Amino acid sequence: MSDAFFDALAAACEAPSERALARLKSKVYSALVERQSESGPLLSLSKTTHVCVFESLVQITPVGEEAKSLNFCRVCHARVLAEHLENAPIFWRNCPYVTFKNS
């Protein structure tokens, strides 16, 4: 199949008229991360970039790698606000819940 076929197919499809609600995106993200953490430890914050302000504090704290592999979003107030308010008053840099609100 050629690129022209896929271009024509994409042109024939209608773009969705509405975006998914930020609350829905937040709930799906929370569920996915929770499910991932059930299968084993998450990637350590020592090996991660673009972390939120709270995760950056854990990143520099002298604790073991096991403590740095926890799901910190699970206890964050930003998650609770984002899952219950469509336009949650959260503005943390690199917070996925802020990204959902702005997308």
PDB file of N, CA and C in Angstrom:
ATOM      1  N   MET A   1       0.842  -1.170   0.000  1.00  0.00           N
ATOM      2  CA  MET A   1       0.000   0.000   0.000  1.00  0.00           C
ATOM      3  C   MET A   1       0.890   1.236   0.000  1.00  0.00           C
ATOM      4  N   SER A   2       0.456   2.219  -0.707  1.00  0.00           N
ATOM      5  CA  SER A   2       1.276   3.415  -0.876  1.00  0.00           C
ATOM      6  C   SER A   2       0.928   4.486   0.152  1.00  0.00           C
ATOM      7  N   ASP A   3       1.798   5.464   0.232  1.00  0.00           N
ATOM      8  CA  ASP A   3       1.555   6.597   1.129  1.00  0.00           C
ATOM      9  C   ASP A   3       0.306   7.360   0.713  1.00  0.00           C
ATOM     10  N   ALA A   4       0.052   7.409  -0.598  1.00  0.00           N
ATOM     11  CA  ALA A   4      -1.126   8.128  -1.094  1.00  0.00           C
ATOM     12  C   ALA A   4      -2.408   7.497  -0.554  1.00  0.00           C
ATOM     13  N   PHE A   5      -2.432   6.161  -0.466  1.00  0.00           N
ATOM     14  CA  PHE A   5      -3.597   5.473   0.064  1.00  0.00           C
ATOM     15  C   PHE A   5      -3.852   5.887   1.509  1.00  0.00           C
ATOM     16  N   PHE A   6      -2.795   5.889   2.323  1.00  0.00           N
ATOM     17  CA  PHE A   6      -2.950   6.248   3.732  1.00  0.00           C
ATOM     18  C   PHE A   6      -3.275   7.732   3.896  1.00  0.00           C
ATOM     19  N   ASP A   7      -2.727   8.576   3.026  1.00  0.00           N
ATOM     20  CA  ASP A   7      -3.072   9.996   3.060  1.00  0.00           C
ATOM     21  C   ASP A   7      -4.548  10.198   2.754  1.00  0.00           C
ATOM     22  N   ALA A   8      -5.062   9.474   1.753  1.00  0.00           N
ATOM     23  CA  ALA A   8      -6.472   9.579   1.398  1.00  0.00           C
ATOM     24  C   ALA A   8      -7.354   9.033   2.523  1.00  0.00           C
ATOM     25  N   LEU A   9      -6.921   7.949   3.128  1.00  0.00           N
ATOM     26  CA  LEU A   9      -7.667   7.366   4.236  1.00  0.00           C
ATOM     27  C   LEU A   9      -7.733   8.331   5.423  1.00  0.00           C
ATOM     28  N   ALA A  10      -6.604   8.946   5.745  1.00  0.00           N
ATOM     29  CA  ALA A  10      -6.561   9.906   6.850  1.00  0.00           C
ATOM     30  C   ALA A  10      -7.421  11.129   6.548  1.00  0.00           C
ATOM     31  N   ALA A  11      -7.426  11.568   5.296  1.00  0.00           N
ATOM     32  CA  ALA A  11      -8.221  12.734   4.919  1.00  0.00           C
ATOM     33  C   ALA A  11      -9.715  12.433   5.013  1.00  0.00           C
ATOM     34  N   ALA A  12     -10.081  11.180   4.782  1.00  0.00           N
ATOM     35  CA  ALA A  12     -11.495  10.799   4.826  1.00  0.00           C
ATOM     36  C   ALA A  12     -12.022  10.676   6.249  1.00  0.00           C
ATOM     37  N   CYS A  13     -11.135  10.478   7.195  1.00  0.00           N
ATOM     38  CA  CYS A  13     -11.552  10.337   8.595  1.00  0.00           C
ATOM     39  C   CYS A  13     -11.843  11.711   9.184  1.00  0.00           C
ATOM     40  N   GLU A  14     -12.876  11.757   9.977  1.00  0.00           N
ATOM     41  CA  GLU A  14     -13.206  13.011  10.633  1.00  0.00           C
ATOM     42  C   GLU A  14     -12.428  13.128  11.933  1.00  0.00           C
ATOM     43  N   ALA A  15     -11.909  14.305  12.184  1.00  0.00           N
ATOM     44  CA  ALA A  15     -11.223  14.559  13.456  1.00  0.00           C
ATOM     45  C   ALA A  15     -12.267  14.663  14.554  1.00  0.00           C
ATOM     46  N   PRO A  16     -11.961  14.172  15.730  1.00  0.00           N
ATOM     47  CA  PRO A  16     -12.936  14.289  16.815  1.00  0.00           C
ATOM     48  C   PRO A  16     -13.229  15.755  17.111  1.00  0.00           C
ATOM     49  N   SER A  17     -14.484  16.051  17.354  1.00  0.00           N
ATOM     50  CA  SER A  17     -14.865  17.444  17.577  1.00  0.00           C
ATOM     51  C   SER A  17     -14.601  17.894  19.009  1.00  0.00           C
ATOM     52  N   GLU A  18     -14.473  16.928  19.924  1.00  0.00           N
ATOM     53  CA  GLU A  18     -14.236  17.285  21.312  1.00  0.00           C
ATOM     54  C   GLU A  18     -13.026  16.540  21.853  1.00  0.00           C
ATOM     55  N   ARG A  19     -12.346  17.183  22.768  1.00  0.00           N
ATOM     56  CA  ARG A  19     -11.224  16.537  23.450  1.00  0.00           C
ATOM     57  C   ARG A  19     -11.753  15.776  24.650  1.00  0.00           C
ATOM     58  N   ALA A  20     -10.965  14.815  25.074  1.00  0.00           N
ATOM     59  CA  ALA A  20     -11.333  14.087  26.290  1.00  0.00           C
ATOM     60  C   ALA A  20     -11.209  15.027  27.485  1.00  0.00           C
ATOM     61  N   LEU A  21     -12.058  14.833  28.461  1.00  0.00           N
ATOM     62  CA  LEU A  21     -12.017  15.663  29.666  1.00  0.00           C
ATOM     63  C   LEU A  21     -10.714  15.435  30.422  1.00  0.00           C
ATOM     64  N   ALA A  22     -10.184  16.484  30.994  1.00  0.00           N
ATOM     65  CA  ALA A  22      -8.951  16.388  31.780  1.00  0.00           C
ATOM     66  C   ALA A  22      -9.141  15.437  32.961  1.00  0.00           C
ATOM     67  N   ARG A  23     -10.339  15.433  33.556  1.00  0.00           N
ATOM     68  CA  ARG A  23     -10.621  14.519  34.671  1.00  0.00           C
ATOM     69  C   ARG A  23     -10.491  13.064  34.220  1.00  0.00           C
ATOM     70  N   LEU A  24     -10.999  12.772  33.025  1.00  0.00           N
ATOM     71  CA  LEU A  24     -10.914  11.413  32.499  1.00  0.00           C
ATOM     72  C   LEU A  24      -9.463  11.026  32.225  1.00  0.00           C
ATOM     73  N   LYS A  25      -8.711  11.938  31.601  1.00  0.00           N
ATOM     74  CA  LYS A  25      -7.291  11.673  31.334  1.00  0.00           C
ATOM     75  C   LYS A  25      -6.544  11.408  32.637  1.00  0.00           C
ATOM     76  N   SER A  26      -6.852  12.182  33.656  1.00  0.00           N
ATOM     77  CA  SER A  26      -6.199  12.024  34.957  1.00  0.00           C
ATOM     78  C   SER A  26      -6.509  10.678  35.581  1.00  0.00           C
ATOM     79  N   LYS A  27      -7.760  10.274  35.522  1.00  0.00           N
ATOM     80  CA  LYS A  27      -8.152   8.988  36.100  1.00  0.00           C
ATOM     81  C   LYS A  27      -7.514   7.822  35.350  1.00  0.00           C
ATOM     82  N   VAL A  28      -7.460   7.918  34.032  1.00  0.00           N
ATOM     83  CA  VAL A  28      -6.834   6.854  33.229  1.00  0.00           C
ATOM     84  C   VAL A  28      -5.343   6.772  33.541  1.00  0.00           C
ATOM     85  N   TYR A  29      -4.676   7.919  33.598  1.00  0.00           N
ATOM     86  CA  TYR A  29      -3.241   7.941  33.910  1.00  0.00           C
ATOM     87  C   TYR A  29      -2.978   7.336  35.299  1.00  0.00           C
ATOM     88  N   SER A  30      -3.771   7.742  36.286  1.00  0.00           N
ATOM     89  CA  SER A  30      -3.601   7.216  37.646  1.00  0.00           C
ATOM     90  C   SER A  30      -3.767   5.703  37.671  1.00  0.00           C
ATOM     91  N   ALA A  31      -4.775   5.212  36.958  1.00  0.00           N
ATOM     92  CA  ALA A  31      -5.026   3.768  36.920  1.00  0.00           C
ATOM     93  C   ALA A  31      -3.885   3.024  36.231  1.00  0.00           C
ATOM     94  N   LEU A  32      -3.355   3.597  35.150  1.00  0.00           N
ATOM     95  CA  LEU A  32      -2.242   2.949  34.439  1.00  0.00           C
ATOM     96  C   LEU A  32      -0.982   2.882  35.295  1.00  0.00           C
ATOM     97  N   VAL A  33      -0.657   3.965  35.974  1.00  0.00           N
ATOM     98  CA  VAL A  33       0.542   3.977  36.820  1.00  0.00           C
ATOM     99  C   VAL A  33       0.359   3.026  38.002  1.00  0.00           C
ATOM    100  N   GLU A  34      -0.836   3.010  38.568  1.00  0.00           N
ATOM    101  CA  GLU A  34      -1.117   2.094  39.678  1.00  0.00           C
ATOM    102  C   GLU A  34      -0.979   0.643  39.216  1.00  0.00           C
ATOM    103  N   ARG A  35      -1.506   0.369  38.055  1.00  0.00           N
ATOM    104  CA  ARG A  35      -1.410  -1.003  37.517  1.00  0.00           C
ATOM    105  C   ARG A  35       0.041  -1.378  37.248  1.00  0.00           C
ATOM    106  N   GLN A  36       0.803  -0.431  36.715  1.00  0.00           N
ATOM    107  CA  GLN A  36       2.217  -0.691  36.445  1.00  0.00           C
ATOM    108  C   GLN A  36       2.981  -0.935  37.738  1.00  0.00           C
ATOM    109  N   SER A  37       2.656  -0.208  38.786  1.00  0.00           N
ATOM    110  CA  SER A  37       3.360  -0.383  40.059  1.00  0.00           C
ATOM    111  C   SER A  37       3.014  -1.717  40.724  1.00  0.00           C
ATOM    112  N   GLU A  38       1.879  -2.296  40.388  1.00  0.00           N
ATOM    113  CA  GLU A  38       1.506  -3.604  40.932  1.00  0.00           C
ATOM    114  C   GLU A  38       2.404  -4.718  40.403  1.00  0.00           C
ATOM    115  N   SER A  39       2.928  -4.531  39.196  1.00  0.00           N
ATOM    116  CA  SER A  39       3.755  -5.576  38.588  1.00  0.00           C
ATOM    117  C   SER A  39       5.217  -5.494  39.010  1.00  0.00           C
ATOM    118  N   GLY A  40       5.574  -4.478  39.759  1.00  0.00           N
ATOM    119  CA  GLY A  40       6.949  -4.333  40.219  1.00  0.00           C
ATOM    120  C   GLY A  40       7.269  -2.877  40.466  1.00  0.00           C
ATOM    121  N   PRO A  41       8.488  -2.610  40.923  1.00  0.00           N
ATOM    122  CA  PRO A  41       8.842  -1.210  41.217  1.00  0.00           C
ATOM    123  C   PRO A  41       8.896  -0.361  39.946  1.00  0.00           C
ATOM    124  N   LEU A  42       8.531   0.885  40.110  1.00  0.00           N
ATOM    125  CA  LEU A  42       8.625   1.837  39.012  1.00  0.00           C
ATOM    126  C   LEU A  42      10.081   2.239  38.826  1.00  0.00           C
ATOM    127  N   LEU A  43      10.374   2.890  37.723  1.00  0.00           N
ATOM    128  CA  LEU A  43      11.727   3.377  37.471  1.00  0.00           C
ATOM    129  C   LEU A  43      12.112   4.359  38.573  1.00  0.00           C
ATOM    130  N   SER A  44      13.304   4.220  39.099  1.00  0.00           N
ATOM    131  CA  SER A  44      13.765   5.081  40.181  1.00  0.00           C
ATOM    132  C   SER A  44      13.830   6.536  39.725  1.00  0.00           C
ATOM    133  N   LEU A  45      13.507   7.445  40.613  1.00  0.00           N
ATOM    134  CA  LEU A  45      13.593   8.867  40.297  1.00  0.00           C
ATOM    135  C   LEU A  45      15.031   9.288  39.996  1.00  0.00           C
ATOM    136  N   SER A  46      16.010   8.503  40.466  1.00  0.00           N
ATOM    137  CA  SER A  46      17.415   8.799  40.162  1.00  0.00           C
ATOM    138  C   SER A  46      17.703   8.641  38.679  1.00  0.00           C
ATOM    139  N   LYS A  47      16.893   7.855  37.988  1.00  0.00           N
ATOM    140  CA  LYS A  47      17.097   7.577  36.565  1.00  0.00           C
ATOM    141  C   LYS A  47      16.078   8.291  35.693  1.00  0.00           C
ATOM    142  N   THR A  48      15.335   9.212  36.276  1.00  0.00           N
ATOM    143  CA  THR A  48      14.243   9.875  35.578  1.00  0.00           C
ATOM    144  C   THR A  48      14.536  11.362  35.420  1.00  0.00           C
ATOM    145  N   THR A  49      14.079  11.922  34.308  1.00  0.00           N
ATOM    146  CA  THR A  49      14.168  13.372  34.103  1.00  0.00           C
ATOM    147  C   THR A  49      12.749  13.922  34.001  1.00  0.00           C
ATOM    148  N   HIS A  50      12.614  15.200  34.032  1.00  0.00           N
ATOM    149  CA  HIS A  50      11.326  15.880  33.936  1.00  0.00           C
ATOM    150  C   HIS A  50      10.369  15.421  35.020  1.00  0.00           C
ATOM    151  N   VAL A  51      10.781  15.582  36.237  1.00  0.00           N
ATOM    152  CA  VAL A  51       9.944  15.204  37.373  1.00  0.00           C
ATOM    153  C   VAL A  51       9.291  16.452  37.959  1.00  0.00           C
ATOM    154  N   CYS A  52       8.219  16.253  38.687  1.00  0.00           N
ATOM    155  CA  CYS A  52       7.527  17.390  39.306  1.00  0.00           C
ATOM    156  C   CYS A  52       8.332  17.898  40.510  1.00  0.00           C
ATOM    157  N   VAL A  53       7.867  18.973  41.090  1.00  0.00           N
ATOM    158  CA  VAL A  53       8.588  19.608  42.188  1.00  0.00           C
ATOM    159  C   VAL A  53       8.724  18.679  43.391  1.00  0.00           C
ATOM    160  N   PHE A  54       7.719  17.889  43.666  1.00  0.00           N
ATOM    161  CA  PHE A  54       7.775  16.986  44.819  1.00  0.00           C
ATOM    162  C   PHE A  54       8.702  15.800  44.539  1.00  0.00           C
ATOM    163  N   GLU A  55       8.650  15.278  43.332  1.00  0.00           N
ATOM    164  CA  GLU A  55       9.539  14.179  42.972  1.00  0.00           C
ATOM    165  C   GLU A  55      10.995  14.636  42.948  1.00  0.00           C
ATOM    166  N   SER A  56      11.228  15.892  42.597  1.00  0.00           N
ATOM    167  CA  SER A  56      12.607  16.393  42.598  1.00  0.00           C
ATOM    168  C   SER A  56      13.161  16.455  44.021  1.00  0.00           C
ATOM    169  N   LEU A  57      12.299  16.714  45.001  1.00  0.00           N
ATOM    170  CA  LEU A  57      12.749  16.684  46.401  1.00  0.00           C
ATOM    171  C   LEU A  57      13.143  15.267  46.808  1.00  0.00           C
ATOM    172  N   VAL A  58      12.370  14.291  46.387  1.00  0.00           N
ATOM    173  CA  VAL A  58      12.702  12.892  46.689  1.00  0.00           C
ATOM    174  C   VAL A  58      13.978  12.506  45.962  1.00  0.00           C
ATOM    175  N   GLN A  59      14.134  13.015  44.753  1.00  0.00           N
ATOM    176  CA  GLN A  59      15.312  12.703  43.941  1.00  0.00           C
ATOM    177  C   GLN A  59      16.609  13.088  44.656  1.00  0.00           C
ATOM    178  N   ILE A  60      16.614  14.203  45.361  1.00  0.00           N
ATOM    179  CA  ILE A  60      17.837  14.674  46.016  1.00  0.00           C
ATOM    180  C   ILE A  60      17.957  14.227  47.468  1.00  0.00           C
ATOM    181  N   THR A  61      16.918  13.581  47.973  1.00  0.00           N
ATOM    182  CA  THR A  61      16.938  13.090  49.351  1.00  0.00           C
ATOM    183  C   THR A  61      17.798  11.840  49.447  1.00  0.00           C
ATOM    184  N   PRO A  62      18.636  11.742  50.477  1.00  0.00           N
ATOM    185  CA  PRO A  62      19.502  10.555  50.600  1.00  0.00           C
ATOM    186  C   PRO A  62      18.738   9.336  51.138  1.00  0.00           C
ATOM    187  N   VAL A  63      17.915   8.761  50.273  1.00  0.00           N
ATOM    188  CA  VAL A  63      17.178   7.537  50.620  1.00  0.00           C
ATOM    189  C   VAL A  63      17.514   6.473  49.585  1.00  0.00           C
ATOM    190  N   GLY A  64      17.186   5.258  49.864  1.00  0.00           N
ATOM    191  CA  GLY A  64      17.481   4.151  48.960  1.00  0.00           C
ATOM    192  C   GLY A  64      16.667   4.189  47.680  1.00  0.00           C
ATOM    193  N   GLU A  65      17.114   3.396  46.718  1.00  0.00           N
ATOM    194  CA  GLU A  65      16.444   3.344  45.425  1.00  0.00           C
ATOM    195  C   GLU A  65      15.019   2.798  45.543  1.00  0.00           C
ATOM    196  N   GLU A  66      14.783   1.932  46.509  1.00  0.00           N
ATOM    197  CA  GLU A  66      13.433   1.390  46.688  1.00  0.00           C
ATOM    198  C   GLU A  66      12.448   2.505  47.026  1.00  0.00           C
ATOM    199  N   ALA A  67      12.868   3.431  47.862  1.00  0.00           N
ATOM    200  CA  ALA A  67      12.012   4.565  48.228  1.00  0.00           C
ATOM    201  C   ALA A  67      11.810   5.504  47.047  1.00  0.00           C
ATOM    202  N   LYS A  68      12.768   5.570  46.147  1.00  0.00           N
ATOM    203  CA  LYS A  68      12.669   6.449  44.984  1.00  0.00           C
ATOM    204  C   LYS A  68      11.885   5.809  43.842  1.00  0.00           C
ATOM    205  N   SER A  69      11.404   4.578  44.051  1.00  0.00           N
ATOM    206  CA  SER A  69      10.650   3.869  43.017  1.00  0.00           C
ATOM    207  C   SER A  69       9.160   3.791  43.336  1.00  0.00           C
ATOM    208  N   LEU A  70       8.709   4.567  44.288  1.00  0.00           N
ATOM    209  CA  LEU A  70       7.299   4.560  44.673  1.00  0.00           C
ATOM    210  C   LEU A  70       6.483   5.466  43.755  1.00  0.00           C
ATOM    211  N   ASN A  71       5.191   5.283  43.763  1.00  0.00           N
ATOM    212  CA  ASN A  71       4.277   6.107  42.975  1.00  0.00           C
ATOM    213  C   ASN A  71       3.871   7.314  43.822  1.00  0.00           C
ATOM    214  N   PHE A  72       4.632   8.390  43.729  1.00  0.00           N
ATOM    215  CA  PHE A  72       4.384   9.567  44.553  1.00  0.00           C
ATOM    216  C   PHE A  72       3.132  10.323  44.132  1.00  0.00           C
ATOM    217  N   CYS A  73       2.716  10.167  42.890  1.00  0.00           N
ATOM    218  CA  CYS A  73       1.484  10.812  42.441  1.00  0.00           C
ATOM    219  C   CYS A  73       0.274  10.286  43.207  1.00  0.00           C
ATOM    220  N   ARG A  74       0.368   9.082  43.709  1.00  0.00           N
ATOM    221  CA  ARG A  74      -0.749   8.462  44.421  1.00  0.00           C
ATOM    222  C   ARG A  74      -1.147   9.261  45.660  1.00  0.00           C
ATOM    223  N   VAL A  75      -0.207   9.946  46.287  1.00  0.00           N
ATOM    224  CA  VAL A  75      -0.504  10.708  47.499  1.00  0.00           C
ATOM    225  C   VAL A  75      -0.471  12.225  47.275  1.00  0.00           C
ATOM    226  N   CYS A  76      -0.365  12.632  46.037  1.00  0.00           N
ATOM    227  CA  CYS A  76      -0.256  14.068  45.722  1.00  0.00           C
ATOM    228  C   CYS A  76      -1.641  14.715  45.639  1.00  0.00           C
ATOM    229  N   HIS A  77      -1.740  15.910  46.168  1.00  0.00           N
ATOM    230  CA  HIS A  77      -3.005  16.633  46.111  1.00  0.00           C
ATOM    231  C   HIS A  77      -3.380  17.005  44.681  1.00  0.00           C
ATOM    232  N   ALA A  78      -2.388  17.158  43.809  1.00  0.00           N
ATOM    233  CA  ALA A  78      -2.673  17.506  42.413  1.00  0.00           C
ATOM    234  C   ALA A  78      -3.485  16.394  41.746  1.00  0.00           C
ATOM    235  N   ARG A  79      -3.177  15.149  42.057  1.00  0.00           N
ATOM    236  CA  ARG A  79      -3.929  14.026  41.482  1.00  0.00           C
ATOM    237  C   ARG A  79      -5.390  14.083  41.924  1.00  0.00           C
ATOM    238  N   VAL A  80      -5.609  14.310  43.200  1.00  0.00           N
ATOM    239  CA  VAL A  80      -6.976  14.352  43.737  1.00  0.00           C
ATOM    240  C   VAL A  80      -7.761  15.486  43.078  1.00  0.00           C
ATOM    241  N   LEU A  81      -7.152  16.650  43.001  1.00  0.00           N
ATOM    242  CA  LEU A  81      -7.828  17.787  42.366  1.00  0.00           C
ATOM    243  C   LEU A  81      -8.123  17.511  40.900  1.00  0.00           C
ATOM    244  N   ALA A  82      -7.131  16.980  40.177  1.00  0.00           N
ATOM    245  CA  ALA A  82      -7.287  16.745  38.742  1.00  0.00           C
ATOM    246  C   ALA A  82      -8.342  15.696  38.437  1.00  0.00           C
ATOM    247  N   GLU A  83      -8.486  14.709  39.314  1.00  0.00           N
ATOM    248  CA  GLU A  83      -9.477  13.657  39.079  1.00  0.00           C
ATOM    249  C   GLU A  83     -10.901  14.112  39.407  1.00  0.00           C
ATOM    250  N   HIS A  84     -11.045  15.220  40.148  1.00  0.00           N
ATOM    251  CA  HIS A  84     -12.376  15.653  40.561  1.00  0.00           C
ATOM    252  C   HIS A  84     -12.806  17.007  39.992  1.00  0.00           C
ATOM    253  N   LEU A  85     -11.858  17.814  39.529  1.00  0.00           N
ATOM    254  CA  LEU A  85     -12.191  19.132  38.977  1.00  0.00           C
ATOM    255  C   LEU A  85     -11.691  19.235  37.539  1.00  0.00           C
ATOM    256  N   GLU A  86     -12.534  19.715  36.655  1.00  0.00           N
ATOM    257  CA  GLU A  86     -12.145  19.813  35.255  1.00  0.00           C
ATOM    258  C   GLU A  86     -11.029  20.839  35.049  1.00  0.00           C
ATOM    259  N   ASN A  87     -11.101  21.935  35.724  1.00  0.00           N
ATOM    260  CA  ASN A  87     -10.066  22.961  35.590  1.00  0.00           C
ATOM    261  C   ASN A  87      -9.391  23.132  36.949  1.00  0.00           C
ATOM    262  N   ALA A  88      -8.692  22.100  37.366  1.00  0.00           N
ATOM    263  CA  ALA A  88      -8.093  22.075  38.705  1.00  0.00           C
ATOM    264  C   ALA A  88      -7.047  23.182  38.865  1.00  0.00           C
ATOM    265  N   PRO A  89      -7.008  23.817  40.028  1.00  0.00           N
ATOM    266  CA  PRO A  89      -6.039  24.897  40.262  1.00  0.00           C
ATOM    267  C   PRO A  89      -4.652  24.349  40.631  1.00  0.00           C
ATOM    268  N   ILE A  90      -4.036  23.673  39.672  1.00  0.00           N
ATOM    269  CA  ILE A  90      -2.683  23.138  39.870  1.00  0.00           C
ATOM    270  C   ILE A  90      -1.788  23.681  38.766  1.00  0.00           C
ATOM    271  N   PHE A  91      -0.575  24.033  39.141  1.00  0.00           N
ATOM    272  CA  PHE A  91       0.319  24.697  38.195  1.00  0.00           C
ATOM    273  C   PHE A  91       1.755  24.195  38.295  1.00  0.00           C
ATOM    274  N   TRP A  92       1.976  23.016  38.884  1.00  0.00           N
ATOM    275  CA  TRP A  92       3.325  22.509  39.073  1.00  0.00           C
ATOM    276  C   TRP A  92       3.972  22.213  37.731  1.00  0.00           C
ATOM    277  N   ARG A  93       5.219  22.577  37.593  1.00  0.00           N
ATOM    278  CA  ARG A  93       5.975  22.284  36.378  1.00  0.00           C
ATOM    279  C   ARG A  93       6.243  20.779  36.322  1.00  0.00           C
ATOM    280  N   ASN A  94       6.105  20.201  35.142  1.00  0.00           N
ATOM    281  CA  ASN A  94       6.345  18.775  34.866  1.00  0.00           C
ATOM    282  C   ASN A  94       5.371  17.832  35.553  1.00  0.00           C
ATOM    283  N   CYS A  95       4.254  18.328  35.997  1.00  0.00           N
ATOM    284  CA  CYS A  95       3.215  17.472  36.586  1.00  0.00           C
ATOM    285  C   CYS A  95       2.323  16.964  35.460  1.00  0.00           C
ATOM    286  N   PRO A  96       2.143  15.641  35.341  1.00  0.00           N
ATOM    287  CA  PRO A  96       1.305  15.133  34.259  1.00  0.00           C
ATOM    288  C   PRO A  96      -0.144  15.613  34.359  1.00  0.00           C
ATOM    289  N   TYR A  97      -0.633  15.839  35.560  1.00  0.00           N
ATOM    290  CA  TYR A  97      -2.010  16.285  35.723  1.00  0.00           C
ATOM    291  C   TYR A  97      -2.196  17.714  35.215  1.00  0.00           C
ATOM    292  N   VAL A  98      -1.188  18.541  35.313  1.00  0.00           N
ATOM    293  CA  VAL A  98      -1.246  19.887  34.735  1.00  0.00           C
ATOM    294  C   VAL A  98      -1.261  19.777  33.222  1.00  0.00           C
ATOM    295  N   THR A  99      -0.483  18.855  32.676  1.00  0.00           N
ATOM    296  CA  THR A  99      -0.448  18.635  31.228  1.00  0.00           C
ATOM    297  C   THR A  99      -1.823  18.231  30.709  1.00  0.00           C
ATOM    298  N   PHE A 100      -2.523  17.365  31.425  1.00  0.00           N
ATOM    299  CA  PHE A 100      -3.856  16.948  31.007  1.00  0.00           C
ATOM    300  C   PHE A 100      -4.819  18.130  31.016  1.00  0.00           C
ATOM    301  N   LYS A 101      -4.686  18.985  31.993  1.00  0.00           N
ATOM    302  CA  LYS A 101      -5.544  20.158  32.107  1.00  0.00           C
ATOM    303  C   LYS A 101      -5.325  21.096  30.922  1.00  0.00           C
ATOM    304  N   ASN A 102      -4.082  21.195  30.474  1.00  0.00           N
ATOM    305  CA  ASN A 102      -3.734  22.141  29.414  1.00  0.00           C
ATOM    306  C   ASN A 102      -3.827  21.551  28.009  1.00  0.00           C
ATOM    307  N   SER A 103      -4.181  20.286  27.901  1.00  0.00           N
ATOM    308  CA  SER A 103      -4.237  19.672  26.552  1.00  0.00           C
ATOM    309  C   SER A 103      -5.645  19.336  26.144  1.00  0.00           C
TER     310      SER A 103
END
